[in-house]
N, C-alpha and C. Protein backbone atom coordinates (compact mmCIF):
# COMPACT_ATOMS: atom_id res chain seq x y z
N MET A 1 135.80 85.36 172.13
CA MET A 1 136.06 86.41 173.37
C MET A 1 136.00 87.50 173.26
N GLY A 2 135.34 88.52 173.87
CA GLY A 2 135.03 89.72 173.27
C GLY A 2 136.33 90.84 174.44
N LYS A 3 137.16 91.61 173.62
CA LYS A 3 138.20 92.12 174.05
C LYS A 3 137.40 93.00 175.51
N SER A 4 138.67 93.08 176.49
CA SER A 4 138.47 93.48 176.91
C SER A 4 140.27 93.91 177.77
N LYS A 5 139.91 95.56 178.21
CA LYS A 5 140.87 96.06 178.92
C LYS A 5 141.40 95.45 179.91
N ARG A 6 140.67 95.46 180.74
CA ARG A 6 141.07 94.68 182.18
C ARG A 6 141.48 93.69 182.34
N TYR A 7 140.83 92.70 181.32
CA TYR A 7 141.60 91.38 182.16
C TYR A 7 141.89 90.55 180.55
N PRO A 8 143.70 90.25 180.83
CA PRO A 8 144.65 90.59 179.76
C PRO A 8 143.64 88.99 178.75
N PRO A 9 143.83 88.64 178.06
CA PRO A 9 143.37 87.62 176.69
C PRO A 9 143.58 85.64 178.07
N GLU A 10 145.12 85.93 178.37
CA GLU A 10 145.13 84.82 179.13
C GLU A 10 144.56 84.37 180.52
N VAL A 11 143.96 85.44 181.42
CA VAL A 11 142.92 85.12 182.20
C VAL A 11 141.62 85.20 182.05
N ARG A 12 140.95 85.26 180.54
CA ARG A 12 139.99 85.35 180.12
C ARG A 12 139.50 83.62 179.52
N GLU A 13 140.54 83.59 179.14
CA GLU A 13 141.07 81.85 178.33
C GLU A 13 141.02 80.94 179.57
N ARG A 14 141.92 81.25 180.68
CA ARG A 14 141.61 80.42 181.53
C ARG A 14 140.74 80.44 183.14
N ALA A 15 140.13 81.11 183.20
CA ALA A 15 138.87 81.52 183.66
C ALA A 15 137.90 80.56 182.72
N VAL A 16 137.52 81.16 181.18
CA VAL A 16 136.77 79.57 181.09
C VAL A 16 136.95 78.67 180.86
N ARG A 17 138.59 78.02 180.86
CA ARG A 17 138.73 77.11 180.47
C ARG A 17 138.04 76.13 181.92
N LEU A 18 138.62 76.85 183.15
CA LEU A 18 137.83 76.41 184.64
C LEU A 18 136.34 76.31 184.29
N VAL A 19 135.41 76.70 184.23
CA VAL A 19 134.36 76.74 183.49
C VAL A 19 133.73 75.71 183.45
N LEU A 20 134.32 75.44 181.86
CA LEU A 20 133.92 74.31 181.07
C LEU A 20 134.75 72.62 181.63
N GLU A 21 135.52 72.47 182.30
CA GLU A 21 135.85 71.70 183.02
C GLU A 21 135.18 71.26 184.30
N HIS A 22 134.74 72.14 184.65
CA HIS A 22 134.53 71.89 186.26
C HIS A 22 133.06 72.18 186.81
N ARG A 23 132.43 72.90 185.02
CA ARG A 23 130.59 72.67 185.29
C ARG A 23 129.89 71.60 185.93
N GLU A 24 130.48 70.26 185.51
CA GLU A 24 129.79 69.22 186.22
C GLU A 24 130.11 69.19 187.60
N GLU A 25 130.62 69.54 188.29
CA GLU A 25 130.59 69.47 190.10
C GLU A 25 130.04 70.40 190.34
N TYR A 26 129.21 71.50 189.82
CA TYR A 26 127.96 72.15 190.03
C TYR A 26 126.87 72.21 189.41
N SER A 27 126.27 72.32 191.02
CA SER A 27 124.66 72.63 190.57
C SER A 27 124.32 73.17 189.09
N SER A 28 124.58 73.36 188.70
CA SER A 28 123.93 74.34 187.68
C SER A 28 125.06 75.30 187.29
N MET A 29 125.00 75.93 185.55
CA MET A 29 125.72 76.51 184.94
C MET A 29 126.33 77.88 185.53
N TRP A 30 125.25 78.50 185.72
CA TRP A 30 125.76 80.32 186.51
C TRP A 30 126.51 79.32 188.56
N ALA A 31 125.97 78.12 188.78
CA ALA A 31 126.63 78.20 190.29
C ALA A 31 128.50 78.00 190.26
N ALA A 32 128.51 77.56 188.64
CA ALA A 32 130.11 77.43 188.52
C ALA A 32 130.37 78.78 187.85
N VAL A 33 129.54 79.60 186.85
CA VAL A 33 130.18 80.29 186.69
C VAL A 33 130.30 81.56 187.53
N SER A 34 129.51 81.58 189.30
CA SER A 34 129.41 82.52 190.07
C SER A 34 130.82 81.99 190.51
N SER A 35 130.93 80.62 191.28
CA SER A 35 132.41 80.44 191.11
C SER A 35 133.28 81.07 191.07
N ILE A 36 133.75 80.87 189.84
CA ILE A 36 134.37 80.63 189.44
C ILE A 36 135.10 82.09 189.41
N ALA A 37 133.80 82.66 188.81
CA ALA A 37 134.17 84.91 188.89
C ALA A 37 134.74 85.43 189.61
N ALA A 38 134.65 84.80 191.31
CA ALA A 38 134.63 85.13 192.11
C ALA A 38 136.36 84.45 192.65
N LYS A 39 137.05 83.87 192.03
CA LYS A 39 138.09 83.69 192.14
C LYS A 39 138.88 84.32 191.31
N PHE A 40 138.62 85.13 190.12
CA PHE A 40 139.36 85.98 188.91
C PHE A 40 139.09 87.19 189.02
N GLY A 41 138.43 87.59 189.94
CA GLY A 41 137.36 88.95 190.62
C GLY A 41 137.10 90.24 189.24
N CYS A 42 136.42 89.37 188.87
CA CYS A 42 135.09 89.60 187.60
C CYS A 42 134.20 89.26 187.84
N THR A 43 133.18 89.92 186.78
CA THR A 43 131.31 89.52 187.83
C THR A 43 130.97 88.47 187.01
N ALA A 44 129.69 87.49 187.66
CA ALA A 44 129.21 86.60 187.15
C ALA A 44 128.96 86.72 185.65
N GLN A 45 128.39 88.18 185.55
CA GLN A 45 127.92 87.94 184.10
C GLN A 45 128.99 88.18 182.98
N THR A 46 130.08 89.20 183.11
CA THR A 46 130.82 89.19 182.41
C THR A 46 132.15 87.70 182.05
N LEU A 47 131.83 87.16 182.89
CA LEU A 47 132.62 85.32 182.54
C LEU A 47 131.41 85.01 182.11
N GLN A 48 130.22 85.17 182.14
CA GLN A 48 129.04 84.14 181.02
C GLN A 48 129.52 84.55 180.30
N GLY A 49 129.50 85.77 179.88
CA GLY A 49 129.63 86.53 178.63
C GLY A 49 130.92 85.72 177.50
N TRP A 50 132.31 85.86 179.04
CA TRP A 50 133.02 85.37 177.97
C TRP A 50 132.64 83.31 177.66
N VAL A 51 131.75 82.64 178.33
CA VAL A 51 131.76 81.42 178.24
C VAL A 51 131.01 80.96 177.27
N ARG A 52 129.91 82.00 177.01
CA ARG A 52 129.04 81.76 175.61
C ARG A 52 130.13 82.18 174.65
N GLN A 53 130.99 83.26 174.18
CA GLN A 53 131.70 83.72 173.53
C GLN A 53 132.36 82.06 172.97
N ALA A 54 133.24 81.35 173.72
CA ALA A 54 133.97 80.11 173.68
C ALA A 54 133.60 79.15 173.04
N GLU A 55 132.17 79.22 173.38
CA GLU A 55 131.13 78.36 173.39
C GLU A 55 130.66 78.37 171.43
N ILE A 56 130.53 79.60 171.09
CA ILE A 56 130.26 80.26 169.84
C ILE A 56 131.71 79.81 169.43
N ASP A 57 132.43 80.38 169.58
CA ASP A 57 133.66 80.20 168.52
C ASP A 57 134.10 78.41 168.60
N GLY A 58 133.65 77.84 169.75
CA GLY A 58 133.89 76.48 169.56
C GLY A 58 132.58 75.54 168.45
N GLY A 59 132.22 76.43 168.45
CA GLY A 59 130.57 75.72 167.62
C GLY A 59 129.81 74.57 168.36
N VAL A 60 129.83 75.07 169.35
CA VAL A 60 128.48 74.45 170.21
C VAL A 60 127.70 75.48 170.83
N ARG A 61 127.66 76.38 170.32
CA ARG A 61 126.71 77.42 171.19
C ARG A 61 126.65 77.95 169.49
N ARG A 62 125.40 78.13 168.97
CA ARG A 62 124.46 79.26 167.60
C ARG A 62 125.70 80.75 168.09
N GLY A 63 125.64 81.52 167.32
CA GLY A 63 125.95 82.70 166.91
C GLY A 63 126.91 83.31 165.77
N THR A 64 127.49 84.79 166.50
CA THR A 64 128.36 84.95 165.40
C THR A 64 129.76 85.21 166.33
N SER A 65 131.07 84.37 165.72
CA SER A 65 131.78 83.74 166.66
C SER A 65 132.88 85.30 166.42
N THR A 66 133.63 85.03 166.56
CA THR A 66 134.68 86.27 166.93
C THR A 66 135.68 86.65 165.94
N SER A 67 135.91 85.42 164.80
CA SER A 67 136.65 85.37 163.86
C SER A 67 135.64 86.56 162.37
N ASP A 68 134.41 85.85 162.78
CA ASP A 68 133.18 86.48 161.26
C ASP A 68 132.98 87.52 162.26
N ALA A 69 132.62 88.13 163.17
CA ALA A 69 132.66 89.77 163.88
C ALA A 69 134.00 90.28 163.33
N GLU A 70 134.88 90.28 163.70
CA GLU A 70 135.96 90.36 163.31
C GLU A 70 136.08 91.00 161.70
N ARG A 71 135.44 89.73 161.13
CA ARG A 71 135.85 90.39 159.70
C ARG A 71 134.22 90.79 158.98
N ILE A 72 133.52 91.11 159.10
CA ILE A 72 132.44 91.81 159.63
C ILE A 72 133.08 93.41 159.88
N LYS A 73 133.12 93.30 160.79
CA LYS A 73 134.03 94.84 161.39
C LYS A 73 134.43 95.26 159.70
N GLU A 74 135.82 94.45 159.42
CA GLU A 74 136.50 94.36 158.52
C GLU A 74 135.80 95.22 157.18
N LEU A 75 135.16 94.68 156.95
CA LEU A 75 134.08 94.12 155.69
C LEU A 75 133.92 95.51 156.15
N GLU A 76 132.99 96.16 156.98
CA GLU A 76 131.73 97.50 156.90
C GLU A 76 133.07 98.31 157.13
N ARG A 77 133.97 98.58 157.58
CA ARG A 77 135.26 99.69 156.88
C ARG A 77 135.81 100.07 155.73
N GLU A 78 135.86 98.66 154.89
CA GLU A 78 136.37 98.85 153.43
C GLU A 78 134.97 98.85 153.11
N ASN A 79 133.61 98.89 153.07
CA ASN A 79 132.79 99.70 152.75
C ASN A 79 132.45 101.22 152.63
N ARG A 80 132.97 101.41 154.22
CA ARG A 80 132.21 103.09 154.44
C ARG A 80 133.26 103.55 153.35
N GLU A 81 134.80 103.38 153.09
CA GLU A 81 135.96 104.03 152.66
C GLU A 81 135.56 103.36 151.33
N LEU A 82 135.18 102.39 150.22
CA LEU A 82 134.75 102.67 149.03
C LEU A 82 133.40 103.54 149.07
N ARG A 83 132.54 103.62 149.80
CA ARG A 83 131.31 104.43 149.28
C ARG A 83 131.95 106.37 149.53
N ARG A 84 132.75 106.37 150.38
CA ARG A 84 133.99 107.90 150.08
C ARG A 84 134.39 108.45 149.01
N ALA A 85 134.88 107.06 148.62
CA ALA A 85 136.03 106.81 147.06
C ALA A 85 134.86 107.77 145.94
N ASN A 86 133.95 106.49 145.98
CA ASN A 86 132.63 106.59 145.04
C ASN A 86 132.42 107.86 145.16
N ASP A 87 131.83 108.92 146.23
CA ASP A 87 131.13 110.06 146.41
C ASP A 87 131.91 110.93 145.97
N ILE A 88 133.58 111.07 146.24
CA ILE A 88 134.72 111.93 145.67
C ILE A 88 134.52 111.69 144.06
N LEU A 89 134.55 110.20 143.78
CA LEU A 89 135.09 110.23 142.14
C LEU A 89 133.76 110.50 141.58
N LYS A 90 132.39 110.90 142.20
CA LYS A 90 130.85 111.20 141.66
C LYS A 90 131.12 112.78 140.96
N ALA A 91 132.11 113.50 142.56
CA ALA A 91 131.72 114.66 142.41
C ALA A 91 132.38 115.25 141.92
N ALA A 92 133.86 114.70 141.90
CA ALA A 92 134.99 115.09 140.82
C ALA A 92 134.28 115.29 139.21
N SER A 93 133.97 113.83 138.72
CA SER A 93 133.15 113.46 137.29
C SER A 93 132.16 114.52 137.03
N ALA A 94 131.12 115.14 138.09
CA ALA A 94 130.11 116.20 137.68
C ALA A 94 130.93 117.47 137.58
N PHE A 95 132.10 117.99 138.76
CA PHE A 95 132.89 119.08 138.57
C PHE A 95 133.20 118.96 137.19
N PHE A 96 133.96 117.93 136.10
CA PHE A 96 134.83 118.22 134.90
C PHE A 96 134.09 118.18 133.89
N ALA A 97 132.78 117.11 133.85
CA ALA A 97 131.94 117.26 133.61
C ALA A 97 131.14 118.88 132.42
N ARG A 98 130.99 119.65 134.10
CA ARG A 98 130.54 120.92 133.76
C ARG A 98 131.81 121.73 133.24
N GLU A 99 132.91 121.48 133.59
CA GLU A 99 134.09 122.50 133.16
C GLU A 99 134.53 122.02 131.22
N LEU A 100 133.87 120.93 131.00
CA LEU A 100 133.78 120.57 128.92
C LEU A 100 132.93 120.78 128.64
N ASP A 101 131.90 120.97 129.27
CA ASP A 101 130.81 121.27 128.86
C ASP A 101 131.01 122.63 127.83
N PRO A 102 130.46 122.18 126.07
CA PRO A 102 130.27 123.25 125.11
C PRO A 102 129.14 124.00 125.52
N GLN A 103 128.56 123.65 126.40
CA GLN A 103 127.50 124.79 126.28
C GLN A 103 127.94 125.86 127.01
N PRO A 104 127.80 127.52 126.30
CA PRO A 104 127.91 128.15 127.57
C PRO A 104 126.03 128.17 128.19
N ARG A 105 126.82 129.02 130.10
CA ARG A 105 125.92 128.55 130.67
C ARG A 105 124.79 129.96 130.68
N ARG A 106 123.63 129.97 131.26
CA ARG A 106 123.28 130.85 131.42
C ARG A 106 122.69 131.61 132.27
């Protein structure tokens, strides 16, 4: 499920669980989401997003799971750091190559 500063994880998990447990009691998934969202003080769109992400994380729906998204974010950050380090090493290598060059500059 996505991160939210307004709703603690326990509240999000409870709301999603209620939707999943009681969806058969409503005429549609949207009706269940709308009804339960009102009880938690969030919008139906927000709760629907949480339910979708829970279904992805549970393997019911296709998509990028929360753990995969976190891992991708971590790898992208690591990749940026490695590119920066590589750029620094290239610049240092070029500098020292110029300094140690036995050819006089003209």
